[in-house]
Amino acid sequence: MALIDTDIAAPRGLASRLPPRVQAWLNGEHAAAQRMAGAAFMIRIAGAVVIFLSQILLARWMGGAEFGIYIYAWTWLQMIADIVHLGLPLTAQRMIPEYTQRNQMDWLRGFLFGSRWIVFASATLVAAIGAAAITALTPALDHGTIMPLYLACIALPLYPVSNMLDGLARSYDAVKTALLPPFVLRLLMLIVVMGGVNVAGIEANATTAMAAFALATWATTLLQLALFQKCVASQIPGGPRRYDVSGWLKTASPIFAVWAFYMLLTYTYVLVLRQFRPAEEVAHYYAAAKTLALASFIHFAVSAAVAHRFAAHHIGGDRDALQTLAASTVRWTFWPTLLTIIGILALGKPILWLFGPNFADGYPLMFVMAIALLARAAVGPAERVLNMLGEQRRCAMVYAAMFAVNLGGSLAVAGPYGGMGVAVVISAAAVIESALLFVIAKRRLGLHMLIGR
């Protein structure tokens, strides 16, 4: 049974009038993967624009103090939601191709159905515990934060379900279903609701903003669920379901560890710099890092497009296709990333100036940070390949070691050398990380995942 290609199929009317060779290319795996990667990249760019716009509007409507309270509650929601899914969204692109290739439809139906309910149940339980904790801690909490935190608990049950649907939909190449609701539609709905609140003369504060976000989370996640159900309804016949919850969690745990350490790597610099340097310097570093991070969307897009394809080729024993795809994805990742970084660096000062006149002080940092992005792009989606092909434990060990290097190195240099010292440490760690991922992929899987070949 082949994985479907609902969202990214080539236009049939046009394709039918093209020469046979061109039709074959358009219908081939590489063209489909490139279309999916391109769609994922464009959606993430659109999402970045929308979130930037939403933050500006919310800050203007609410004022700095209320916006700060909203961000505080929203950050707690983000952090907890990315834990309570137990790593199941990260395993979907491995489990679905495996069950599909082996024609284990009972297990496939069980995973598609059961994974969503496990995530929902886990998130609901944690939301209830969180609400109880807020009640118990009410005397110690700032009065203005209490209701936004309660509303974050209301949003929590559906927020990680959206992550789960993201992982499931990617496995069927349904990139629009996977990414549009959480990255674009949710924030657009937030803007519309808060705009209506502002026009109606209702006080725009952290409570109304978090209520709007909770409403947007439930509405867009239910829409995403409906779209996914439509996507797979005609492809998977009805029948009994079988569940292997312990097996799913066992598979998920090391992949989840990789992701958790990666997230820690992402935020280490902020946590450390806040301890040693002035707030203004931290802001300059953050603006430079987030501006340059636009280039990382390419890595995300390629990984989103091909992870399940690696798993399918591995399960099917198609070694040639696996090697070809590995080499192709490295090229798809590196060259566009390089060109994007060049463009961002060329426009870096004007972009940073948009944050404020003094933010251009962070411009030199971008050249050092670019080394980390290029190092990771040079090995393509190597981390996803290792996770999909059974080397997730070694991958987790690499990320754990690099987190330790990052944390220790940043603590050592943040005080005397500030943001530039931290940037050097992070980029050096990224080079080592990429080298280790390349070596593991080469020795354990026989895949040459490095640009230049």
Protein backbone atom coordinates (compact mmCIF):
# COMPACT_ATOMS: atom_id res chain seq x y z
CA MET A 1 0.00 0.00 0.00
CA ALA A 2 1.58 3.29 -1.08
CA LEU A 3 1.54 6.40 1.04
CA ILE A 4 -0.81 8.99 -0.40
CA ASP A 5 0.23 12.34 -1.82
CA THR A 6 -2.91 14.40 -1.29
CA ASP A 7 -1.59 17.90 -0.75
CA ILE A 8 1.33 18.04 -3.14
CA ALA A 9 0.36 16.17 -6.27
CA ALA A 10 1.30 17.79 -9.58
CA PRO A 11 -1.58 19.46 -11.46
CA ARG A 12 -3.13 16.59 -13.43
CA GLY A 13 -4.53 18.58 -16.33
CA LEU A 14 -1.19 20.18 -17.09
CA ALA A 15 0.86 17.03 -16.41
CA SER A 16 -1.18 14.99 -18.89
CA ARG A 17 -0.11 17.30 -21.73
CA LEU A 18 3.61 17.12 -20.96
CA PRO A 19 6.15 14.75 -22.57
CA PRO A 20 6.34 11.28 -20.96
CA ARG A 21 9.78 11.91 -19.44
CA VAL A 22 8.58 15.10 -17.81
CA GLN A 23 5.45 13.32 -16.56
CA ALA A 24 7.62 10.57 -15.07
CA TRP A 25 9.76 13.13 -13.27
CA LEU A 26 6.73 15.00 -11.94
CA ASN A 27 5.24 11.77 -10.63
CA GLY A 28 8.55 10.50 -9.23
CA GLU A 29 9.50 10.34 -5.59
CA HIS A 30 12.15 13.05 -5.73
CA ALA A 31 9.82 15.56 -7.37
CA ALA A 32 7.11 14.79 -4.81
CA ALA A 33 9.57 15.19 -1.96
CA GLN A 34 10.82 18.49 -3.40
CA ARG A 35 7.27 19.79 -3.75
CA MET A 36 6.51 18.79 -0.18
CA ALA A 37 9.70 20.40 1.12
CA GLY A 38 8.93 23.57 -0.82
CA ALA A 39 5.39 23.68 0.51
CA ALA A 40 6.60 23.12 4.09
CA PHE A 41 9.16 25.91 3.70
CA MET A 42 6.61 28.38 2.34
CA ILE A 43 4.14 27.57 5.13
CA ARG A 44 6.82 28.08 7.78
CA ILE A 45 7.79 31.41 6.22
CA ALA A 46 4.14 32.45 6.18
CA GLY A 47 3.85 31.32 9.80
CA ALA A 48 6.90 33.38 10.76
CA VAL A 49 5.31 36.48 9.18
CA VAL A 50 1.99 35.86 10.93
CA ILE A 51 3.51 35.29 14.37
CA PHE A 52 5.62 38.45 13.98
CA LEU A 53 2.51 40.41 13.01
CA SER A 54 0.48 38.91 15.86
CA GLN A 55 3.12 39.85 18.43
CA ILE A 56 3.24 43.46 17.20
CA LEU A 57 -0.56 43.80 17.23
CA LEU A 58 -1.02 42.14 20.63
CA ALA A 59 1.66 44.32 22.17
CA ARG A 60 0.01 47.46 20.76
CA TRP A 61 -3.50 46.43 21.78
CA MET A 62 -2.60 45.23 25.28
CA GLY A 63 0.41 47.28 26.28
CA GLY A 64 3.75 45.97 27.47
CA ALA A 65 2.72 44.71 30.92
CA GLU A 66 -0.31 42.69 29.78
CA PHE A 67 1.58 41.41 26.74
CA GLY A 68 4.33 40.19 29.08
CA ILE A 69 1.80 38.28 31.19
CA TYR A 70 0.32 36.72 28.05
CA ILE A 71 3.77 35.64 26.83
CA TYR A 72 4.48 34.16 30.28
CA ALA A 73 1.34 31.99 30.18
CA TRP A 74 1.83 31.13 26.51
CA THR A 75 5.42 30.02 27.17
CA TRP A 76 4.29 27.67 29.92
CA LEU A 77 1.71 26.24 27.54
CA GLN A 78 4.34 25.71 24.84
CA MET A 79 6.81 24.04 27.18
CA ILE A 80 4.34 21.63 28.74
CA ALA A 81 2.57 20.82 25.47
CA ASP A 82 5.88 19.79 23.93
CA ILE A 83 6.43 17.27 26.73
CA VAL A 84 3.01 15.72 27.33
CA HIS A 85 2.80 14.22 23.84
CA LEU A 86 5.38 11.65 25.05
CA GLY A 87 7.24 11.79 21.76
CA LEU A 88 4.50 10.04 19.79
CA PRO A 89 4.31 12.73 17.05
CA LEU A 90 8.02 12.19 16.46
CA THR A 91 7.55 8.47 15.77
CA ALA A 92 4.66 8.73 13.32
CA GLN A 93 6.93 9.06 10.30
CA ARG A 94 8.59 5.82 11.31
CA MET A 95 5.65 3.71 12.53
CA ILE A 96 3.25 4.49 9.66
CA PRO A 97 5.65 3.48 6.84
CA GLU A 98 6.62 0.36 8.81
CA TYR A 99 3.03 -0.79 9.29
CA THR A 100 2.16 0.16 5.71
CA GLN A 101 5.10 -1.65 4.11
CA ARG A 102 4.35 -4.79 6.12
CA ASN A 103 0.63 -4.53 5.36
CA GLN A 104 -0.17 -4.58 9.08
CA MET A 105 -3.42 -2.68 8.71
CA ASP A 106 -4.77 -3.58 12.16
CA TRP A 107 -1.69 -2.08 13.81
CA LEU A 108 -1.79 0.93 11.47
CA ARG A 109 -5.42 1.68 12.32
CA GLY A 110 -4.57 1.26 15.99
CA PHE A 111 -1.68 3.72 15.80
CA LEU A 112 -3.64 6.34 13.85
CA PHE A 113 -6.49 6.18 16.35
CA GLY A 114 -4.71 5.36 19.59
CA SER A 115 -1.85 7.83 19.36
CA ARG A 116 -4.23 10.77 19.22
CA TRP A 117 -6.21 9.61 22.24
CA ILE A 118 -3.09 8.85 24.27
CA VAL A 119 -1.79 12.37 23.63
CA PHE A 120 -5.19 13.89 24.42
CA ALA A 121 -5.56 11.89 27.64
CA SER A 122 -2.03 12.72 28.76
CA ALA A 123 -2.51 16.42 28.06
CA THR A 124 -5.92 16.50 29.78
CA LEU A 125 -4.49 14.86 32.90
CA VAL A 126 -1.60 17.33 33.04
CA ALA A 127 -4.01 20.24 32.43
CA ALA A 128 -6.11 19.12 35.41
CA ILE A 129 -2.99 18.84 37.57
CA GLY A 130 -1.86 22.25 36.35
CA ALA A 131 -5.21 23.84 37.23
CA ALA A 132 -5.05 22.30 40.69
CA ALA A 133 -1.51 23.62 41.14
CA ILE A 134 -2.59 27.13 40.10
CA THR A 135 -5.40 26.98 42.66
CA ALA A 136 -3.01 25.85 45.39
CA LEU A 137 -0.44 28.50 44.50
CA THR A 138 -2.92 31.36 44.04
CA PRO A 139 -1.76 33.26 47.15
CA ALA A 140 1.80 33.28 45.83
CA LEU A 141 0.96 34.21 42.23
CA ASP A 142 0.57 37.65 40.76
CA HIS A 143 -3.18 38.27 40.49
CA GLY A 144 -2.98 39.16 36.80
CA THR A 145 -1.39 35.84 35.85
CA ILE A 146 -3.94 33.53 37.46
CA MET A 147 -6.72 33.59 34.85
CA PRO A 148 -4.34 33.48 31.84
CA LEU A 149 -2.72 30.39 33.37
CA TYR A 150 -6.12 28.74 33.86
CA LEU A 151 -6.97 29.49 30.25
CA ALA A 152 -3.64 27.98 29.18
CA CYS A 153 -4.79 24.79 30.92
CA ILE A 154 -7.98 24.89 28.84
CA ALA A 155 -5.93 25.14 25.65
CA LEU A 156 -3.52 22.39 26.70
CA PRO A 157 -5.55 19.23 25.85
CA LEU A 158 -5.80 20.11 22.14
CA TYR A 159 -2.44 21.82 21.62
CA PRO A 160 -0.32 18.61 21.59
CA VAL A 161 -3.04 16.80 19.63
CA SER A 162 -2.28 19.26 16.85
CA ASN A 163 1.38 18.20 17.08
CA MET A 164 0.26 14.58 16.81
CA LEU A 165 -1.84 15.32 13.74
CA ASP A 166 1.14 17.15 12.27
CA GLY A 167 3.26 14.00 12.53
CA LEU A 168 0.51 11.77 11.17
CA ALA A 169 -0.29 14.03 8.21
CA ARG A 170 3.36 14.40 7.19
CA SER A 171 3.55 10.62 6.91
CA TYR A 172 0.94 10.84 4.15
CA ASP A 173 2.59 13.84 2.43
CA ALA A 174 -0.37 16.00 3.51
CA VAL A 175 1.84 18.96 4.30
CA LYS A 176 -0.93 21.55 4.23
CA THR A 177 -2.98 19.56 6.73
CA ALA A 178 0.11 19.11 8.88
CA LEU A 179 1.33 22.69 8.98
CA LEU A 180 -1.28 25.24 7.95
CA PRO A 181 -3.63 24.91 10.97
CA PRO A 182 -0.96 25.18 13.72
CA PHE A 183 1.47 27.57 12.07
CA VAL A 184 -0.83 29.93 10.18
CA LEU A 185 -4.57 29.51 10.82
CA ARG A 186 -4.31 29.41 14.63
CA LEU A 187 -2.49 32.75 14.76
CA LEU A 188 -4.70 34.35 12.11
CA MET A 189 -7.75 33.39 14.18
CA LEU A 190 -6.07 34.86 17.27
CA ILE A 191 -5.53 38.15 15.41
CA VAL A 192 -9.13 38.22 14.14
CA VAL A 193 -10.63 37.50 17.58
CA MET A 194 -8.43 40.04 19.36
CA GLY A 195 -9.13 42.57 16.62
CA GLY A 196 -12.84 42.05 17.22
CA VAL A 197 -12.30 42.50 20.95
CA ASN A 198 -10.51 45.77 20.29
CA VAL A 199 -13.20 47.06 17.92
CA ALA A 200 -15.96 46.09 20.36
CA GLY A 201 -14.35 48.17 23.08
CA ILE A 202 -13.69 45.18 25.34
CA GLU A 203 -10.52 45.50 27.39
CA ALA A 204 -7.66 43.78 25.57
CA ASN A 205 -5.54 42.17 28.26
CA ALA A 206 -3.70 38.92 28.94
CA THR A 207 -6.91 37.15 29.93
CA THR A 208 -8.79 38.01 26.73
CA ALA A 209 -5.71 37.17 24.65
CA MET A 210 -5.26 33.77 26.25
CA ALA A 211 -8.99 33.08 25.93
CA ALA A 212 -8.72 33.91 22.23
CA PHE A 213 -5.68 31.67 21.91
CA ALA A 214 -7.50 28.78 23.63
CA LEU A 215 -10.47 29.23 21.29
CA ALA A 216 -8.15 29.34 18.27
CA THR A 217 -6.33 26.21 19.45
CA TRP A 218 -9.49 24.15 19.82
CA ALA A 219 -11.05 25.40 16.57
CA THR A 220 -8.00 24.90 14.35
CA THR A 221 -7.09 21.53 15.87
CA LEU A 222 -10.60 20.19 15.28
CA LEU A 223 -10.38 21.49 11.69
CA GLN A 224 -7.01 19.79 11.33
CA LEU A 225 -8.52 16.54 12.63
CA ALA A 226 -11.36 16.74 10.10
CA LEU A 227 -8.92 17.39 7.26
CA PHE A 228 -6.74 14.46 8.28
CA GLN A 229 -9.73 12.13 8.53
CA LYS A 230 -10.75 13.14 5.01
CA CYS A 231 -7.18 12.66 3.83
CA VAL A 232 -6.91 9.02 4.90
CA ALA A 233 -10.56 7.91 4.76
CA SER A 234 -10.38 6.53 1.24
CA GLN A 235 -6.91 5.05 1.66
CA ILE A 236 -7.28 2.91 4.77
CA PRO A 237 -10.11 0.38 4.83
CA GLY A 238 -12.16 -0.05 7.97
CA GLY A 239 -11.44 -2.94 10.26
CA PRO A 240 -10.21 -3.94 13.70
CA ARG A 241 -7.51 -2.06 15.54
CA ARG A 242 -4.54 -3.44 17.42
CA TYR A 243 -2.48 -1.44 19.88
CA ASP A 244 1.16 -1.64 20.91
CA VAL A 245 1.36 1.26 23.33
CA SER A 246 4.46 0.03 25.12
CA GLY A 247 6.19 -0.57 21.79
CA TRP A 248 5.27 2.90 20.54
CA LEU A 249 6.59 4.56 23.69
CA LYS A 250 9.75 2.45 23.63
CA THR A 251 10.40 3.57 20.07
CA ALA A 252 9.50 7.16 20.89
CA SER A 253 11.65 7.60 24.00
CA PRO A 254 15.10 7.95 22.39
CA ILE A 255 13.71 10.02 19.50
CA PHE A 256 11.99 12.20 22.07
CA ALA A 257 15.27 12.54 23.94
CA VAL A 258 16.96 13.76 20.74
CA TRP A 259 14.26 16.35 20.28
CA ALA A 260 14.37 17.44 23.94
CA PHE A 261 18.13 17.92 23.88
CA TYR A 262 17.85 19.81 20.59
CA MET A 263 15.31 22.16 22.16
CA LEU A 264 17.60 22.66 25.14
CA LEU A 265 20.43 23.45 22.74
CA THR A 266 18.19 26.02 21.08
CA TYR A 267 17.45 27.90 24.29
CA THR A 268 20.71 27.47 26.21
CA TYR A 269 22.12 30.80 25.08
CA VAL A 270 19.15 32.79 26.39
CA LEU A 271 19.19 31.07 29.78
CA VAL A 272 22.93 31.56 30.22
CA LEU A 273 23.22 35.10 28.89
CA ARG A 274 20.42 36.25 31.17
CA GLN A 275 22.53 35.20 34.14
CA PHE A 276 25.70 37.07 33.15
CA ARG A 277 24.94 39.92 30.75
CA PRO A 278 22.66 42.98 30.61
CA ALA A 279 19.15 42.51 29.30
CA GLU A 280 19.89 44.72 26.29
CA GLU A 281 22.75 42.47 25.16
CA VAL A 282 20.53 39.40 25.51
CA ALA A 283 17.91 41.14 23.34
CA HIS A 284 20.49 41.93 20.66
CA TYR A 285 21.68 38.31 20.62
CA TYR A 286 18.10 36.99 20.48
CA ALA A 287 17.17 39.26 17.57
CA ALA A 288 20.28 38.26 15.60
CA ALA A 289 19.69 34.55 16.26
CA LYS A 290 16.01 34.65 15.34
CA THR A 291 16.66 36.62 12.17
CA LEU A 292 19.31 34.18 10.99
CA ALA A 293 17.13 31.25 12.04
CA LEU A 294 14.92 31.89 9.00
CA ALA A 295 17.51 29.84 7.08
CA SER A 296 16.81 26.85 9.34
CA PHE A 297 13.31 26.57 7.87
CA ILE A 298 14.92 24.89 4.85
CA HIS A 299 16.33 22.13 7.07
CA PHE A 300 12.92 21.77 8.71
CA ALA A 301 11.14 21.61 5.35
CA VAL A 302 13.40 18.91 3.91
CA SER A 303 13.22 16.84 7.10
CA ALA A 304 9.43 17.11 7.13
CA ALA A 305 9.26 15.96 3.52
CA VAL A 306 11.53 12.92 3.61
CA ALA A 307 11.66 11.31 7.06
CA HIS A 308 8.90 8.80 6.34
CA ARG A 309 10.38 8.08 2.90
CA PHE A 310 13.65 6.97 4.51
CA ALA A 311 11.70 4.68 6.81
CA ALA A 312 9.71 3.23 3.89
CA HIS A 313 12.82 2.46 1.82
CA HIS A 314 14.52 0.91 4.84
CA ILE A 315 11.59 -1.33 5.65
CA GLY A 316 11.23 -2.25 1.97
CA GLY A 317 14.93 -3.11 1.66
CA ASP A 318 15.46 -0.69 -1.24
CA ARG A 319 19.10 0.18 -0.60
CA ASP A 320 19.68 2.06 -3.84
CA ALA A 321 16.70 4.34 -3.31
CA LEU A 322 17.83 4.97 0.26
CA GLN A 323 21.33 6.04 -0.80
CA THR A 324 20.03 8.19 -3.65
CA LEU A 325 17.54 9.94 -1.41
CA ALA A 326 20.19 10.53 1.27
CA ALA A 327 22.54 12.22 -1.19
CA SER A 328 19.73 14.29 -2.71
CA THR A 329 18.42 15.59 0.61
CA VAL A 330 21.87 16.81 1.62
CA ARG A 331 22.01 18.90 -1.57
CA TRP A 332 18.44 20.14 -1.10
CA THR A 333 19.34 21.29 2.40
CA PHE A 334 22.81 22.78 1.99
CA TRP A 335 22.69 24.92 -1.15
CA PRO A 336 19.39 26.72 -0.43
CA THR A 337 20.54 27.26 3.17
CA LEU A 338 23.82 28.75 1.96
CA LEU A 339 22.05 31.12 -0.43
CA THR A 340 19.52 32.13 2.23
CA ILE A 341 22.27 32.84 4.76
CA ILE A 342 24.13 35.00 2.23
CA GLY A 343 20.95 36.98 1.61
CA ILE A 344 20.21 37.41 5.33
CA LEU A 345 23.78 38.50 6.08
CA ALA A 346 23.66 41.00 3.23
CA LEU A 347 20.49 42.56 4.68
CA GLY A 348 21.31 41.85 8.31
CA LYS A 349 21.80 45.42 9.53
CA PRO A 350 18.55 46.82 8.04
CA ILE A 351 16.61 43.84 9.38
CA LEU A 352 18.03 44.22 12.89
CA TRP A 353 17.32 47.96 12.76
CA LEU A 354 13.60 47.11 12.53
CA PHE A 355 13.84 45.81 16.10
CA GLY A 356 15.38 49.10 17.22
CA PRO A 357 18.34 51.35 16.34
CA ASN A 358 20.74 49.66 18.79
CA PHE A 359 19.93 46.11 17.67
CA ALA A 360 22.40 46.43 14.80
CA ASP A 361 25.08 45.90 17.44
CA GLY A 362 24.28 42.20 17.15
CA TYR A 363 25.14 42.10 13.44
CA PRO A 364 28.69 40.65 13.88
CA LEU A 365 27.21 37.76 15.84
CA MET A 366 25.29 36.61 12.78
CA PHE A 367 28.47 35.68 10.92
CA VAL A 368 29.55 33.36 13.74
CA MET A 369 26.04 31.91 14.15
CA ALA A 370 25.94 31.17 10.42
CA ILE A 371 28.68 28.56 10.92
CA ALA A 372 26.32 26.47 13.06
CA LEU A 373 23.55 26.57 10.46
CA LEU A 374 25.92 25.66 7.62
CA ALA A 375 27.43 22.80 9.62
CA ARG A 376 24.01 21.29 10.22
CA ALA A 377 22.95 21.88 6.62
CA ALA A 378 26.12 20.14 5.37
CA VAL A 379 24.84 16.79 6.67
CA GLY A 380 21.23 17.37 5.63
CA PRO A 381 18.53 15.60 7.64
CA ALA A 382 21.06 13.16 9.15
CA GLU A 383 19.40 13.29 12.56
CA ARG A 384 16.03 12.29 11.06
CA VAL A 385 17.66 9.50 9.08
CA LEU A 386 19.28 8.04 12.19
CA ASN A 387 15.98 8.24 14.07
CA MET A 388 14.02 6.61 11.26
CA LEU A 389 16.54 3.80 10.66
CA GLY A 390 17.03 2.54 14.21
CA GLU A 391 20.01 4.61 15.38
CA GLN A 392 17.99 6.91 17.63
CA ARG A 393 19.90 5.98 20.79
CA ARG A 394 23.26 6.97 19.32
CA CYS A 395 21.68 10.14 17.98
CA ALA A 396 20.35 10.94 21.46
CA MET A 397 23.83 10.40 22.92
CA VAL A 398 25.28 12.89 20.44
CA TYR A 399 22.73 15.54 21.34
CA ALA A 400 23.13 14.92 25.07
CA ALA A 401 26.90 15.34 24.76
CA MET A 402 26.53 18.50 22.69
CA PHE A 403 24.08 19.95 25.19
CA ALA A 404 26.66 19.39 27.93
CA VAL A 405 29.36 21.03 25.79
CA ASN A 406 27.07 23.96 25.00
CA LEU A 407 26.03 24.50 28.58
CA GLY A 408 29.50 24.14 30.06
CA GLY A 409 31.16 26.23 27.37
CA SER A 410 28.53 28.96 27.51
CA LEU A 411 28.79 29.21 31.28
CA ALA A 412 32.56 29.59 30.95
CA VAL A 413 32.56 32.32 28.29
CA ALA A 414 29.32 34.26 28.82
CA GLY A 415 30.70 36.42 31.61
CA PRO A 416 34.01 37.55 30.08
CA TYR A 417 33.14 37.38 26.38
CA GLY A 418 29.36 37.88 26.29
CA GLY A 419 27.27 37.01 23.26
CA MET A 420 30.22 36.58 20.93
CA GLY A 421 31.77 33.97 23.21
CA VAL A 422 28.49 32.06 23.44
CA ALA A 423 28.07 32.22 19.64
CA VAL A 424 31.55 30.72 19.16
CA VAL A 425 30.78 27.88 21.60
CA ILE A 426 27.45 27.07 19.97
CA SER A 427 28.90 27.09 16.46
CA ALA A 428 31.86 24.92 17.49
CA ALA A 429 29.46 22.45 19.12
CA ALA A 430 27.34 22.38 15.96
CA VAL A 431 30.39 21.49 13.85
CA ILE A 432 31.26 18.63 16.22
CA GLU A 433 27.62 17.51 16.32
CA SER A 434 27.39 17.38 12.51
CA ALA A 435 30.68 15.49 12.24
CA LEU A 436 29.46 12.88 14.72
CA LEU A 437 26.13 12.46 12.92
CA PHE A 438 27.99 12.00 9.63
CA VAL A 439 30.28 9.35 11.13
CA ILE A 440 27.38 7.41 12.66
CA ALA A 441 25.38 7.51 9.41
CA LYS A 442 28.44 6.36 7.45
CA ARG A 443 29.59 3.58 9.76
CA ARG A 444 26.27 2.27 11.00
CA LEU A 445 24.10 2.74 7.90
CA GLY A 446 26.60 3.09 5.07
CA LEU A 447 25.06 6.41 4.03
CA HIS A 448 27.32 9.28 2.93
CA MET A 449 25.46 12.28 4.34
CA LEU A 450 27.84 15.14 3.66
CA ILE A 451 27.81 17.83 1.01
CA GLY A 452 30.49 17.61 -1.67
CA ARG A 453 29.86 14.15 -3.04
